[in-house]
Amino acid sequence: MKKILCLMLCLAVPAFAQKFDGLALTPPMGFNTWNTFATNINEVLIMQTADTMVKNGMRDAGYIYIVIDDCWSLHERDANGNLVPDPTKFPSGMKALGDFLHARGFKFGIYGCAGSKTCGGYPGSQGHEYQDARTFASWGVDYLKYDWCFTATRDAREAYTTMRDALFAAKRPVVFSICEWGNSKPWEWAKDVGHLWRTTGDITDCFDCVQRWERGWKVILDLQYSLVQPADGQNNGIGKYAGPGHWNDPDMLEVGNEGLSFADSRSHFSLWCILAAPLMAGNDVRKMTPEILTLMTDKEALAINQDATGKEGWRFRAEPGREIWVRELSDGDWALALLNTSDKAADLSVDFHPMWFFGGKCQIRDIWDKKDVGTTEKPFTKRLDSHDVAFLRLKPIKETAAK
């Protein structure tokens, strides 16, 4: 009887009921087709994007995941129930495209959905999780963005756990991106299911607009803060759930897209670095300006986003026209973003004395101006255009003992 009970328990808990560990130890970086191209995707676009990212240095800066979003398949599965890439858009097939990306040092990402259909109306993976996971593995997929449309009454935790187990059963390591918009508070349960999870609805390329279900980057930032709520001067909200291998995701980047000024793009990028957010480029990298390329590949800014501690930043202060965001980094360093939220240029200052958590005097490095600008013993002041940011790294100054 004991042997039978043991066998039943073993069958009830699959050995593969876990996610792939050791992946996404820093926030994933890459490119996703949706924000600029939506349904207008094809293999030529993906190949040109990859080649451009090699030539312009984005790949070497860390943008290694190239993700094909929704609308890549036919509207029906084949006779065996398999997903079929649209042969007009992807005539060479997904395996060949994955091989192309791998040969150039990229990781191959694709889109799926936990419902009966994707958000674009293509076949979803509900009821086909293990079959689709095997298909993705056969194509060499390294990253799966898994959406939440047409799910009816399905439970999110169950749905994403099922796909997690299917991916693990397929035996190809995959970064699993949970995209259910934060509705079921995934930060409370998804650490052992996925590697990143969306915390908000979709982003769009504006500062604070709301368009259908899409919101500007500052609206997304405020929504993220409303979940964090650091009441005691520390990140005691959803930030405590983020870290190496498991990240809060406030959605992809709109940096460089036409709805944003350069100041907007710079602030948007700086704040996503403060948040330890995944950095998935959503612009047409083939046509980006030199200023945007320099912004997105800046080594000092990316070092903050990719800091090994994985601690998410938080808003220290919000006043009319000014916000201060901070993030704890390795070796006692801190990052600080001073954001001009007004519609006019202004001289903005930071007085560091109330920031007791810095733990002493620090050297100030202005990341975007590429220069050291004094210490925290005196306030820092800078003229900032509307929606622009001062992005600072603070390094503790070790006092030399008196002889």
Protein backbone atom coordinates (compact mmCIF):
# COMPACT_ATOMS: atom_id res chain seq x y z
CA MET A 1 0.00 0.00 0.00
CA LYS A 2 2.84 2.39 0.89
CA LYS A 3 4.54 1.66 -2.43
CA ILE A 4 1.32 2.43 -4.34
CA LEU A 5 0.85 5.71 -2.42
CA CYS A 6 4.45 6.70 -3.09
CA LEU A 7 4.01 5.95 -6.80
CA MET A 8 0.83 8.06 -6.94
CA LEU A 9 2.58 11.00 -5.29
CA CYS A 10 5.52 10.76 -7.66
CA LEU A 11 3.21 10.76 -10.67
CA ALA A 12 1.30 13.75 -9.28
CA VAL A 13 4.43 15.92 -9.06
CA PRO A 14 6.41 15.76 -12.33
CA ALA A 15 10.15 15.80 -11.94
CA PHE A 16 10.35 18.59 -14.54
CA ALA A 17 8.05 20.92 -12.58
CA GLN A 18 10.60 23.72 -12.40
CA LYS A 19 12.04 26.48 -14.55
CA PHE A 20 15.49 26.67 -16.10
CA ASP A 21 17.85 28.12 -13.50
CA GLY A 22 20.93 30.19 -14.26
CA LEU A 23 19.21 32.25 -16.96
CA ALA A 24 18.51 36.02 -16.89
CA LEU A 25 20.82 36.62 -13.94
CA THR A 26 20.73 40.26 -15.03
CA PRO A 27 17.74 41.90 -16.76
CA PRO A 28 17.43 40.50 -20.31
CA MET A 29 18.43 42.84 -23.13
CA GLY A 30 17.44 42.59 -26.75
CA PHE A 31 14.98 43.65 -29.43
CA ASN A 32 11.26 42.98 -29.90
CA THR A 33 9.30 43.60 -33.10
CA TRP A 34 5.99 44.80 -31.64
CA ASN A 35 6.39 48.46 -30.69
CA THR A 36 7.42 49.58 -34.17
CA PHE A 37 6.35 46.84 -36.58
CA ALA A 38 3.33 45.14 -34.94
CA THR A 39 1.96 42.75 -37.60
CA ASN A 40 4.36 43.91 -40.35
CA ILE A 41 7.08 41.35 -39.68
CA ASN A 42 9.08 39.00 -41.87
CA GLU A 43 12.40 37.20 -41.95
CA VAL A 44 14.12 39.93 -43.97
CA LEU A 45 13.33 42.44 -41.21
CA ILE A 46 14.73 40.08 -38.57
CA MET A 47 17.89 39.39 -40.56
CA GLN A 48 18.49 43.07 -41.31
CA THR A 49 17.90 43.92 -37.66
CA ALA A 50 20.40 41.30 -36.51
CA ASP A 51 23.06 42.40 -38.99
CA THR A 52 22.54 46.04 -37.98
CA MET A 53 22.85 45.21 -34.28
CA VAL A 54 26.16 43.47 -34.97
CA LYS A 55 27.54 46.40 -36.96
CA ASN A 56 26.34 49.18 -34.62
CA GLY A 57 27.56 47.50 -31.44
CA MET A 58 24.20 46.71 -29.83
CA ARG A 59 24.88 42.98 -29.71
CA ASP A 60 28.24 43.49 -28.04
CA ALA A 61 26.63 45.96 -25.60
CA GLY A 62 24.38 43.11 -24.41
CA TYR A 63 21.27 43.21 -26.61
CA ILE A 64 21.34 39.54 -27.47
CA TYR A 65 17.67 38.43 -27.55
CA ILE A 66 15.85 39.07 -30.83
CA VAL A 67 12.18 38.36 -30.23
CA ILE A 68 9.50 37.91 -32.90
CA ASP A 69 6.22 39.06 -31.39
CA ASP A 70 2.63 38.21 -32.38
CA CYS A 71 1.34 37.48 -35.92
CA TRP A 72 4.16 35.22 -37.15
CA SER A 73 2.04 32.09 -37.76
CA LEU A 74 -0.80 31.02 -39.99
CA HIS A 75 -4.31 31.40 -38.60
CA GLU A 76 -4.75 27.62 -38.31
CA ARG A 77 -2.61 24.76 -37.05
CA ASP A 78 -1.68 21.95 -39.45
CA ALA A 79 -3.39 18.55 -39.60
CA ASN A 80 -1.23 17.32 -36.72
CA GLY A 81 -2.02 20.31 -34.54
CA ASN A 82 1.37 22.01 -35.01
CA LEU A 83 1.93 25.75 -35.24
CA VAL A 84 2.89 26.79 -38.77
CA PRO A 85 4.99 29.89 -39.53
CA ASP A 86 3.43 32.08 -42.21
CA PRO A 87 5.33 30.99 -45.35
CA THR A 88 4.88 34.43 -46.95
CA LYS A 89 6.51 36.20 -44.01
CA PHE A 90 9.00 33.46 -43.10
CA PRO A 91 9.65 31.39 -46.24
CA SER A 92 12.85 29.86 -44.88
CA GLY A 93 11.11 28.65 -41.73
CA MET A 94 11.81 29.32 -38.09
CA LYS A 95 14.58 26.76 -37.68
CA ALA A 96 16.60 28.46 -40.42
CA LEU A 97 15.94 31.88 -38.91
CA GLY A 98 17.02 30.66 -35.49
CA ASP A 99 20.21 29.25 -36.99
CA PHE A 100 20.85 32.61 -38.68
CA LEU A 101 20.54 34.45 -35.36
CA HIS A 102 22.64 31.94 -33.44
CA ALA A 103 25.41 32.16 -36.02
CA ARG A 104 25.61 35.89 -35.33
CA GLY A 105 25.75 35.54 -31.57
CA PHE A 106 22.09 36.23 -30.78
CA LYS A 107 19.44 34.32 -28.89
CA PHE A 108 16.19 33.54 -30.69
CA GLY A 109 12.93 34.68 -29.12
CA ILE A 110 9.34 34.03 -30.13
CA TYR A 111 5.82 34.85 -28.97
CA GLY A 112 3.03 32.62 -27.70
CA CYS A 113 -0.18 33.02 -25.75
CA ALA A 114 -1.82 31.17 -22.87
CA GLY A 115 -5.29 31.49 -24.42
CA SER A 116 -7.11 29.79 -27.26
CA LYS A 117 -5.89 32.58 -29.55
CA THR A 118 -3.13 35.16 -29.45
CA CYS A 119 -3.98 38.83 -29.04
CA GLY A 120 -3.77 39.14 -32.84
CA GLY A 121 -6.16 36.25 -33.37
CA TYR A 122 -3.63 33.53 -34.24
CA PRO A 123 -3.53 30.07 -32.59
CA GLY A 124 -2.79 30.17 -28.87
CA SER A 125 -1.14 27.43 -26.87
CA GLN A 126 -3.98 26.51 -24.51
CA GLY A 127 -4.28 22.73 -24.67
CA HIS A 128 -1.16 22.51 -26.85
CA GLU A 129 1.51 23.56 -24.35
CA TYR A 130 3.71 20.45 -24.56
CA GLN A 131 3.37 20.19 -28.33
CA ASP A 132 4.25 23.86 -28.82
CA ALA A 133 7.17 23.69 -26.39
CA ARG A 134 8.62 20.78 -28.40
CA THR A 135 8.11 22.78 -31.59
CA PHE A 136 9.88 25.82 -30.14
CA ALA A 137 12.75 23.62 -28.97
CA SER A 138 13.10 22.10 -32.44
CA TRP A 139 13.43 25.62 -33.87
CA GLY A 140 16.15 26.57 -31.39
CA VAL A 141 14.04 29.07 -29.44
CA ASP A 142 15.83 30.61 -26.42
CA TYR A 143 13.18 33.07 -25.18
CA LEU A 144 9.40 32.85 -25.02
CA LYS A 145 7.14 35.86 -24.48
CA TYR A 146 3.82 34.33 -23.35
CA ASP A 147 0.75 36.58 -23.53
CA TRP A 148 -2.69 36.49 -21.87
CA CYS A 149 -5.45 37.06 -24.47
CA PHE A 150 -8.52 34.85 -24.97
CA THR A 151 -7.94 33.02 -21.69
CA ALA A 152 -11.58 33.23 -20.48
CA THR A 153 -11.71 32.01 -16.87
CA ARG A 154 -8.32 30.36 -16.90
CA ASP A 155 -6.16 30.81 -13.79
CA ALA A 156 -2.91 32.63 -14.59
CA ARG A 157 -0.72 30.70 -12.18
CA GLU A 158 -1.97 27.39 -13.56
CA ALA A 159 -1.56 28.50 -17.17
CA TYR A 160 1.98 29.78 -16.82
CA THR A 161 3.04 26.87 -14.66
CA THR A 162 1.77 24.46 -17.31
CA MET A 163 3.84 26.14 -20.00
CA ARG A 164 6.85 26.30 -17.67
CA ASP A 165 6.64 22.53 -17.18
CA ALA A 166 6.22 22.02 -20.93
CA LEU A 167 9.32 24.08 -21.68
CA PHE A 168 11.30 22.13 -19.13
CA ALA A 169 10.05 18.83 -20.55
CA ALA A 170 11.23 19.91 -24.00
CA LYS A 171 14.74 20.14 -22.50
CA ARG A 172 15.92 23.31 -24.27
CA PRO A 173 16.77 26.17 -21.85
CA VAL A 174 14.35 29.04 -22.44
CA VAL A 175 13.98 32.43 -20.76
CA PHE A 176 10.26 32.54 -19.92
CA SER A 177 8.61 35.98 -20.09
CA ILE A 178 5.22 36.13 -18.37
CA CYS A 179 3.00 38.74 -20.03
CA GLU A 180 -0.32 38.85 -18.15
CA TRP A 181 -0.03 42.61 -17.40
CA GLY A 182 0.20 42.25 -13.62
CA ASN A 183 -3.47 41.34 -13.17
CA SER A 184 -2.83 38.37 -10.88
CA LYS A 185 0.09 39.94 -8.98
CA PRO A 186 2.66 37.60 -10.57
CA TRP A 187 5.45 39.03 -8.43
CA GLU A 188 3.89 37.06 -5.57
CA TRP A 189 4.03 33.67 -7.29
CA ALA A 190 6.07 33.78 -10.52
CA LYS A 191 9.63 33.62 -9.18
CA ASP A 192 9.70 29.84 -9.64
CA VAL A 193 7.67 29.93 -12.85
CA GLY A 194 9.24 32.55 -15.13
CA HIS A 195 12.30 34.74 -15.42
CA LEU A 196 10.41 38.02 -15.84
CA TRP A 197 6.81 39.13 -15.53
CA ARG A 198 4.92 42.16 -16.71
CA THR A 199 3.74 44.47 -13.95
CA THR A 200 1.54 46.81 -16.04
CA GLY A 201 -0.38 47.13 -19.28
CA ASP A 202 1.21 48.00 -22.61
CA ILE A 203 3.51 50.96 -23.20
CA THR A 204 3.36 53.46 -26.08
CA ASP A 205 5.64 56.22 -27.36
CA CYS A 206 4.51 59.27 -25.40
CA PHE A 207 5.19 60.81 -21.99
CA ASP A 208 1.88 60.60 -20.13
CA CYS A 209 -0.85 59.86 -22.68
CA VAL A 210 -3.37 57.01 -22.49
CA GLN A 211 -4.40 55.43 -25.80
CA ARG A 212 -6.84 52.53 -25.70
CA TRP A 213 -5.06 50.04 -23.44
CA GLU A 214 -1.64 51.64 -24.01
CA ARG A 215 0.04 54.18 -21.75
CA GLY A 216 2.97 56.56 -21.98
CA TRP A 217 6.26 55.67 -20.31
CA LYS A 218 5.72 58.07 -17.38
CA VAL A 219 2.28 56.58 -16.73
CA ILE A 220 3.86 53.12 -16.70
CA LEU A 221 6.57 54.41 -14.35
CA ASP A 222 3.94 55.80 -11.96
CA LEU A 223 2.01 52.53 -12.07
CA GLN A 224 5.20 50.66 -11.21
CA TYR A 225 5.79 53.04 -8.29
CA SER A 226 2.23 52.57 -7.01
CA LEU A 227 3.08 48.88 -6.66
CA VAL A 228 6.42 49.56 -4.98
CA GLN A 229 5.33 52.07 -2.32
CA PRO A 230 8.57 52.43 -0.30
CA ALA A 231 6.92 53.85 2.81
CA ASP A 232 9.99 53.63 5.04
CA GLY A 233 12.60 54.89 2.57
CA GLN A 234 13.39 51.40 1.35
CA ASN A 235 12.03 49.33 -1.52
CA ASN A 236 9.54 47.25 0.46
CA GLY A 237 6.96 46.77 -2.30
CA ILE A 238 7.23 44.59 -5.41
CA GLY A 239 10.90 45.46 -5.71
CA LYS A 240 11.65 42.87 -3.06
CA TYR A 241 10.48 40.15 -5.46
CA ALA A 242 12.97 41.12 -8.18
CA GLY A 243 16.53 39.90 -8.45
CA PRO A 244 18.85 37.63 -10.44
CA GLY A 245 16.74 35.25 -12.49
CA HIS A 246 13.39 36.89 -11.70
CA TRP A 247 12.50 40.44 -12.77
CA ASN A 248 9.63 42.90 -12.64
CA ASP A 249 8.97 44.00 -16.22
CA PRO A 250 7.34 47.42 -16.89
CA ASP A 251 7.27 46.59 -20.63
CA MET A 252 9.54 47.18 -23.59
CA LEU A 253 11.43 50.33 -24.53
CA GLU A 254 9.97 53.10 -26.68
CA VAL A 255 13.38 54.82 -26.80
CA GLY A 256 13.99 56.36 -30.22
CA ASN A 257 10.40 56.10 -31.43
CA GLU A 258 8.81 59.12 -33.07
CA GLY A 259 6.40 59.99 -30.25
CA LEU A 260 9.25 60.76 -27.85
CA SER A 261 11.60 63.72 -27.77
CA PHE A 262 15.25 62.96 -27.16
CA ALA A 263 14.78 64.14 -23.55
CA ASP A 264 11.88 61.68 -23.18
CA SER A 265 13.98 58.85 -24.60
CA ARG A 266 16.88 59.66 -22.30
CA SER A 267 14.67 59.81 -19.21
CA HIS A 268 12.74 56.69 -20.18
CA PHE A 269 15.99 54.76 -20.63
CA SER A 270 17.55 56.11 -17.42
CA LEU A 271 14.52 55.20 -15.32
CA TRP A 272 14.33 51.67 -16.77
CA CYS A 273 17.98 51.31 -15.71
CA ILE A 274 17.05 52.50 -12.21
CA LEU A 275 14.20 49.97 -12.10
CA ALA A 276 16.49 47.06 -13.08
CA ALA A 277 14.00 46.51 -15.89
CA PRO A 278 14.55 44.28 -18.92
CA LEU A 279 15.79 46.41 -21.84
CA MET A 280 14.02 45.23 -24.98
CA ALA A 281 14.52 47.77 -27.76
CA GLY A 282 11.31 48.56 -29.60
CA ASN A 283 12.57 50.98 -32.23
CA ASP A 284 13.73 50.39 -35.80
CA VAL A 285 17.42 49.94 -35.07
CA ARG A 286 18.18 50.08 -38.81
CA LYS A 287 17.21 53.77 -38.88
CA MET A 288 18.10 55.03 -35.41
CA THR A 289 19.95 58.31 -34.98
CA PRO A 290 23.53 58.35 -33.71
CA GLU A 291 22.29 60.06 -30.53
CA ILE A 292 19.84 57.25 -29.77
CA LEU A 293 22.44 54.58 -30.52
CA THR A 294 24.91 56.29 -28.18
CA LEU A 295 22.22 56.48 -25.51
CA MET A 296 21.22 52.83 -25.75
CA THR A 297 24.78 51.49 -25.78
CA ASP A 298 26.23 53.72 -23.06
CA LYS A 299 28.43 51.50 -20.91
CA GLU A 300 27.96 53.44 -17.68
CA ALA A 301 24.17 53.45 -17.97
CA LEU A 302 24.03 49.76 -18.88
CA ALA A 303 26.32 48.92 -15.95
CA ILE A 304 23.63 50.32 -13.67
CA ASN A 305 20.86 48.33 -15.34
CA GLN A 306 22.98 45.16 -15.31
CA ASP A 307 24.32 45.57 -11.77
CA ALA A 308 24.82 42.12 -10.25
CA THR A 309 22.94 42.83 -7.03
CA GLY A 310 19.69 42.99 -8.98
CA LYS A 311 18.05 45.42 -6.56
CA GLU A 312 15.20 47.42 -8.04
CA GLY A 313 15.20 51.20 -7.62
CA TRP A 314 12.47 53.32 -6.09
CA ARG A 315 11.19 56.88 -5.96
CA PHE A 316 12.64 58.80 -3.05
CA ARG A 317 10.78 62.06 -3.60
CA ALA A 318 8.09 63.53 -5.85
CA GLU A 319 7.31 67.24 -5.96
CA PRO A 320 5.72 69.48 -8.60
CA GLY A 321 8.13 69.43 -11.53
CA ARG A 322 10.72 67.19 -9.91
CA GLU A 323 11.21 63.55 -8.98
CA ILE A 324 14.20 61.77 -7.46
CA TRP A 325 14.70 58.05 -8.03
CA VAL A 326 17.46 55.97 -6.43
CA ARG A 327 18.86 52.47 -6.72
CA GLU A 328 21.36 50.59 -4.56
CA LEU A 329 24.25 49.05 -6.50
CA SER A 330 27.24 46.83 -5.81
CA ASP A 331 30.13 47.85 -3.55
CA GLY A 332 28.11 50.53 -1.77
CA ASP A 333 27.46 52.57 -4.92
CA TRP A 334 24.11 54.18 -5.69
CA ALA A 335 22.40 55.41 -8.85
CA LEU A 336 20.20 58.49 -8.82
CA ALA A 337 17.89 59.97 -11.46
CA LEU A 338 16.73 63.57 -11.14
CA LEU A 339 13.72 63.94 -13.45
CA ASN A 340 12.14 67.15 -14.74
CA THR A 341 8.45 66.25 -15.00
CA SER A 342 7.31 69.74 -16.03
CA ASP A 343 6.71 71.08 -19.53
CA LYS A 344 9.43 73.74 -19.17
CA ALA A 345 13.19 73.75 -18.72
CA ALA A 346 14.27 74.31 -15.12
CA ASP A 347 17.24 74.34 -12.76
CA LEU A 348 16.72 71.32 -10.52
CA SER A 349 18.70 70.42 -7.41
CA VAL A 350 19.32 67.48 -5.12
CA ASP A 351 20.28 67.95 -1.48
CA PHE A 352 21.89 64.68 -0.42
CA HIS A 353 21.83 65.20 3.33
CA PRO A 354 18.34 63.70 3.84
CA MET A 355 19.48 60.56 2.02
CA TRP A 356 20.87 58.79 5.05
CA PHE A 357 20.96 55.44 3.22
CA PHE A 358 23.99 56.54 1.16
CA GLY A 359 26.06 55.95 4.28
CA GLY A 360 28.52 58.82 3.96
CA LYS A 361 30.19 61.17 1.48
CA CYS A 362 30.17 60.07 -2.15
CA GLN A 363 31.80 61.15 -5.39
CA ILE A 364 29.20 62.14 -8.01
CA ARG A 365 29.52 60.97 -11.60
CA ASP A 366 27.21 62.56 -14.21
CA ILE A 367 26.65 59.67 -16.61
CA TRP A 368 25.24 61.59 -19.56
CA ASP A 369 27.73 64.47 -19.31
CA LYS A 370 30.61 62.02 -18.79
CA LYS A 371 32.27 63.92 -15.96
CA ASP A 372 32.69 63.95 -12.18
CA VAL A 373 30.71 66.78 -10.62
CA GLY A 374 31.75 67.02 -6.99
CA THR A 375 30.61 65.21 -3.87
CA THR A 376 27.43 64.78 -1.90
CA GLU A 377 28.62 67.30 0.69
CA LYS A 378 27.02 69.99 -1.47
CA PRO A 379 23.72 69.99 -3.41
CA PHE A 380 23.87 69.03 -7.07
CA THR A 381 22.15 71.41 -9.50
CA LYS A 382 21.60 71.07 -13.23
CA ARG A 383 19.58 72.79 -15.94
CA LEU A 384 17.22 70.22 -17.43
CA ASP A 385 14.91 70.50 -20.41
CA SER A 386 11.29 69.43 -20.10
CA HIS A 387 11.12 65.69 -19.33
CA ASP A 388 14.92 65.42 -19.26
CA VAL A 389 16.96 63.71 -16.56
CA ALA A 390 20.24 63.94 -14.71
CA PHE A 391 21.57 60.40 -14.30
CA LEU A 392 24.15 60.07 -11.56
CA ARG A 393 26.33 57.36 -10.04
CA LEU A 394 27.44 57.92 -6.46
CA LYS A 395 30.58 56.18 -5.22
CA PRO A 396 31.51 56.19 -1.51
CA ILE A 397 34.70 58.08 -0.67
CA LYS A 398 36.85 56.07 1.67
CA GLU A 399 38.31 58.38 4.29
CA THR A 400 42.07 58.01 4.76
CA ALA A 401 42.99 57.38 8.38
CA ALA A 402 45.07 60.18 9.99
CA LYS A 403 48.74 59.33 10.49
